[in-house]
C-alpha cells in the first residue's frame, strides 16, 4: 500500500526533486501556488498562496480532512514576496 506524503512548496527548487523521488513509491500531495502538472495518478495538487498565512491554515485543514492517512509532511516552502 502506497503511503501519502504532503510536500509544502513542492514546485520549487528543493521541492520538485522531492516530489519526483517520492512519487516512485508513494502518493504525493503538492501544496504550492504553481502546479508541476505531472502525468501521474499518484500526484495531487492543491493550490495555495504560501505568502498568505490564513490561506495556508485553511488549505492544510482541508487537506487533512480530504486525504486520509498522510504518512509524512515535508516543508520546502520559503517566502518569495511574490503572489
N, C-alpha and C. Protein backbone atom coordinates (compact mmCIF):
# COMPACT_ATOMS: atom_id res chain seq x y z
N UNK A 1 0.83 -1.18 0.00
CA UNK A 1 0.00 0.00 0.00
C UNK A 1 0.88 1.25 0.00
N UNK A 2 0.59 2.15 -0.92
CA UNK A 2 1.37 3.37 -1.03
C UNK A 2 1.04 4.31 0.13
N UNK A 3 2.06 4.99 0.61
CA UNK A 3 1.87 6.00 1.65
C UNK A 3 1.65 7.34 0.98
N UNK A 4 1.02 8.25 1.71
CA UNK A 4 0.75 9.59 1.19
C UNK A 4 1.68 10.58 1.88
N UNK A 5 2.36 11.39 1.06
CA UNK A 5 3.30 12.39 1.56
C UNK A 5 2.80 13.76 1.11
N UNK A 6 2.71 14.70 2.06
CA UNK A 6 2.35 16.08 1.76
C UNK A 6 3.63 16.88 1.68
N UNK A 7 3.86 17.52 0.53
CA UNK A 7 5.05 18.36 0.35
C UNK A 7 4.59 19.79 0.15
N UNK A 8 4.92 20.65 1.12
CA UNK A 8 4.56 22.07 1.05
C UNK A 8 5.69 22.77 0.31
N UNK A 9 5.34 23.45 -0.77
CA UNK A 9 6.36 24.07 -1.61
C UNK A 9 6.98 23.08 -2.57
N UNK A 10 6.19 22.13 -3.03
CA UNK A 10 6.69 21.06 -3.89
C UNK A 10 7.01 21.45 -5.32
N UNK A 11 6.74 22.69 -5.69
CA UNK A 11 7.04 23.13 -7.06
C UNK A 11 8.34 23.92 -7.15
N UNK A 12 8.99 24.13 -6.03
CA UNK A 12 10.21 24.94 -6.00
C UNK A 12 11.47 24.15 -6.27
N UNK A 13 12.59 24.83 -6.09
CA UNK A 13 13.91 24.25 -6.36
C UNK A 13 14.19 23.00 -5.54
N UNK A 14 13.84 23.03 -4.27
CA UNK A 14 14.08 21.87 -3.40
C UNK A 14 12.91 20.90 -3.49
N UNK A 15 11.70 21.42 -3.55
CA UNK A 15 10.50 20.58 -3.52
C UNK A 15 10.30 19.71 -4.75
N UNK A 16 10.60 20.24 -5.93
CA UNK A 16 10.35 19.49 -7.16
C UNK A 16 11.10 18.16 -7.22
N UNK A 17 12.40 18.12 -6.90
CA UNK A 17 13.08 16.82 -6.91
C UNK A 17 12.51 15.87 -5.85
N UNK A 18 12.07 16.42 -4.71
CA UNK A 18 11.47 15.57 -3.69
C UNK A 18 10.16 14.96 -4.17
N UNK A 19 9.33 15.78 -4.82
CA UNK A 19 8.07 15.27 -5.38
C UNK A 19 8.36 14.11 -6.32
N UNK A 20 9.28 14.31 -7.24
CA UNK A 20 9.61 13.27 -8.22
C UNK A 20 10.16 12.01 -7.56
N UNK A 21 10.98 12.16 -6.54
CA UNK A 21 11.55 11.00 -5.85
C UNK A 21 10.49 10.25 -5.06
N UNK A 22 9.66 10.96 -4.32
CA UNK A 22 8.62 10.30 -3.52
C UNK A 22 7.55 9.65 -4.40
N UNK A 23 7.33 10.16 -5.59
CA UNK A 23 6.33 9.57 -6.48
C UNK A 23 6.72 8.18 -6.95
N UNK A 24 7.97 7.81 -6.83
CA UNK A 24 8.41 6.48 -7.27
C UNK A 24 7.71 5.37 -6.47
N UNK A 25 7.39 5.65 -5.20
CA UNK A 25 6.81 4.61 -4.35
C UNK A 25 5.63 5.09 -3.50
N UNK A 26 5.20 6.33 -3.69
CA UNK A 26 4.18 6.90 -2.81
C UNK A 26 3.19 7.76 -3.58
N UNK A 27 2.15 8.17 -2.88
CA UNK A 27 1.26 9.22 -3.37
C UNK A 27 1.79 10.53 -2.82
N UNK A 28 1.73 11.59 -3.63
CA UNK A 28 2.26 12.88 -3.21
C UNK A 28 1.21 13.96 -3.40
N UNK A 29 1.03 14.79 -2.37
CA UNK A 29 0.21 15.98 -2.46
C UNK A 29 1.16 17.17 -2.47
N UNK A 30 1.11 17.95 -3.53
CA UNK A 30 1.95 19.15 -3.66
C UNK A 30 1.10 20.36 -3.29
N UNK A 31 1.50 21.07 -2.25
CA UNK A 31 0.81 22.27 -1.80
C UNK A 31 1.67 23.47 -2.18
N UNK A 32 1.26 24.19 -3.23
CA UNK A 32 2.07 25.31 -3.73
C UNK A 32 1.20 26.19 -4.61
N UNK A 33 1.71 27.34 -5.02
CA UNK A 33 0.95 28.23 -5.90
C UNK A 33 1.06 27.80 -7.36
N UNK A 34 2.12 27.05 -7.68
CA UNK A 34 2.35 26.61 -9.06
C UNK A 34 2.24 25.09 -9.14
N UNK A 35 1.55 24.61 -10.14
CA UNK A 35 1.36 23.18 -10.34
C UNK A 35 2.45 22.62 -11.24
N UNK A 36 3.03 21.50 -10.86
CA UNK A 36 4.03 20.85 -11.71
C UNK A 36 3.40 20.16 -12.91
N UNK A 37 2.09 19.94 -12.87
CA UNK A 37 1.34 19.30 -13.96
C UNK A 37 1.97 17.98 -14.39
N UNK A 38 2.20 17.13 -13.41
CA UNK A 38 2.78 15.82 -13.68
C UNK A 38 1.69 14.85 -14.11
N UNK A 39 1.99 14.01 -15.07
CA UNK A 39 1.05 13.00 -15.54
C UNK A 39 1.29 11.71 -14.75
N UNK A 40 0.78 11.70 -13.51
CA UNK A 40 0.98 10.56 -12.62
C UNK A 40 -0.25 10.44 -11.75
N UNK A 41 -0.87 9.27 -11.72
CA UNK A 41 -2.12 9.08 -10.97
C UNK A 41 -1.91 9.22 -9.47
N UNK A 42 -0.67 9.19 -9.01
CA UNK A 42 -0.37 9.33 -7.59
C UNK A 42 0.05 10.75 -7.20
N UNK A 43 -0.09 11.69 -8.14
CA UNK A 43 0.25 13.10 -7.89
C UNK A 43 -1.02 13.91 -7.72
N UNK A 44 -1.10 14.65 -6.63
CA UNK A 44 -2.23 15.51 -6.35
C UNK A 44 -1.71 16.92 -6.09
N UNK A 45 -2.43 17.90 -6.60
CA UNK A 45 -2.01 19.29 -6.45
C UNK A 45 -3.10 20.08 -5.75
N UNK A 46 -2.68 20.87 -4.78
CA UNK A 46 -3.57 21.79 -4.08
C UNK A 46 -2.94 23.17 -4.14
N UNK A 47 -3.67 24.11 -4.75
CA UNK A 47 -3.14 25.47 -4.92
C UNK A 47 -3.30 26.28 -3.65
N UNK A 48 -2.23 26.96 -3.25
CA UNK A 48 -2.28 27.85 -2.10
C UNK A 48 -1.18 28.91 -2.26
N UNK A 49 -1.49 30.12 -1.79
CA UNK A 49 -0.51 31.20 -1.76
C UNK A 49 0.25 31.08 -0.44
N UNK A 50 1.48 30.64 -0.50
CA UNK A 50 2.27 30.41 0.71
C UNK A 50 2.68 31.70 1.40
N UNK A 51 2.39 32.85 0.81
CA UNK A 51 2.64 34.14 1.46
C UNK A 51 1.45 34.59 2.29
N UNK A 52 0.35 33.84 2.28
CA UNK A 52 -0.86 34.19 2.99
C UNK A 52 -1.13 33.15 4.08
N UNK A 53 -0.81 33.49 5.33
CA UNK A 53 -0.91 32.52 6.43
C UNK A 53 -2.32 31.99 6.61
N UNK A 54 -3.33 32.83 6.43
CA UNK A 54 -4.71 32.39 6.58
C UNK A 54 -5.08 31.32 5.56
N UNK A 55 -4.66 31.52 4.32
CA UNK A 55 -4.99 30.54 3.29
C UNK A 55 -4.25 29.23 3.51
N UNK A 56 -3.04 29.29 4.06
CA UNK A 56 -2.27 28.07 4.34
C UNK A 56 -2.99 27.23 5.39
N UNK A 57 -3.40 27.87 6.48
CA UNK A 57 -4.08 27.14 7.55
C UNK A 57 -5.36 26.50 7.05
N UNK A 58 -6.17 27.24 6.32
CA UNK A 58 -7.42 26.69 5.79
C UNK A 58 -7.16 25.52 4.85
N UNK A 59 -6.18 25.67 3.97
CA UNK A 59 -5.90 24.62 2.99
C UNK A 59 -5.38 23.35 3.69
N UNK A 60 -4.49 23.51 4.66
CA UNK A 60 -3.96 22.34 5.37
C UNK A 60 -5.06 21.64 6.15
N UNK A 61 -5.95 22.41 6.79
CA UNK A 61 -7.09 21.80 7.48
C UNK A 61 -7.92 20.97 6.52
N UNK A 62 -8.19 21.52 5.33
CA UNK A 62 -8.98 20.80 4.32
C UNK A 62 -8.25 19.56 3.80
N UNK A 63 -6.96 19.66 3.62
CA UNK A 63 -6.19 18.51 3.14
C UNK A 63 -6.29 17.35 4.12
N UNK A 64 -6.14 17.64 5.42
CA UNK A 64 -6.19 16.57 6.40
C UNK A 64 -7.60 16.01 6.57
N UNK A 65 -8.62 16.74 6.15
CA UNK A 65 -9.98 16.22 6.14
C UNK A 65 -10.23 15.36 4.90
N UNK A 66 -9.69 15.79 3.75
CA UNK A 66 -9.99 15.13 2.48
C UNK A 66 -9.05 13.99 2.11
N UNK A 67 -7.83 14.03 2.57
CA UNK A 67 -6.86 12.98 2.27
C UNK A 67 -6.60 12.21 3.56
N UNK A 68 -6.85 10.95 3.53
CA UNK A 68 -6.68 10.12 4.73
C UNK A 68 -5.28 9.51 4.75
N UNK A 69 -4.81 9.23 5.94
CA UNK A 69 -3.56 8.51 6.15
C UNK A 69 -2.34 9.22 5.58
N UNK A 70 -2.19 10.50 5.85
CA UNK A 70 -0.97 11.20 5.44
C UNK A 70 0.17 10.72 6.34
N UNK A 71 1.16 10.12 5.72
CA UNK A 71 2.27 9.49 6.43
C UNK A 71 3.32 10.51 6.89
N UNK A 72 3.57 11.51 6.04
CA UNK A 72 4.64 12.45 6.32
C UNK A 72 4.32 13.81 5.69
N UNK A 73 4.81 14.86 6.34
CA UNK A 73 4.70 16.21 5.80
C UNK A 73 6.09 16.81 5.72
N UNK A 74 6.42 17.35 4.56
CA UNK A 74 7.73 17.96 4.34
C UNK A 74 7.52 19.40 3.91
N UNK A 75 8.17 20.33 4.61
CA UNK A 75 8.05 21.74 4.28
C UNK A 75 9.28 22.21 3.51
N UNK A 76 9.09 22.56 2.24
CA UNK A 76 10.16 23.09 1.40
C UNK A 76 9.86 24.52 1.00
N UNK A 77 8.91 25.13 1.67
CA UNK A 77 8.47 26.47 1.26
C UNK A 77 9.39 27.55 1.83
N UNK A 78 9.41 28.66 1.15
CA UNK A 78 10.13 29.82 1.62
C UNK A 78 9.45 31.05 1.01
N UNK A 79 9.40 32.16 1.75
CA UNK A 79 8.70 33.34 1.23
C UNK A 79 9.50 34.00 0.10
N UNK A 80 8.80 34.28 -0.97
CA UNK A 80 9.44 34.96 -2.10
C UNK A 80 8.98 36.40 -2.22
N UNK A 81 7.88 36.70 -1.55
CA UNK A 81 7.30 38.04 -1.68
C UNK A 81 6.46 38.17 -2.91
N UNK A 82 6.35 37.11 -3.71
CA UNK A 82 5.54 37.10 -4.92
C UNK A 82 4.27 36.34 -4.67
N UNK A 83 3.18 36.78 -5.28
CA UNK A 83 1.91 36.07 -5.15
C UNK A 83 1.33 35.80 -6.50
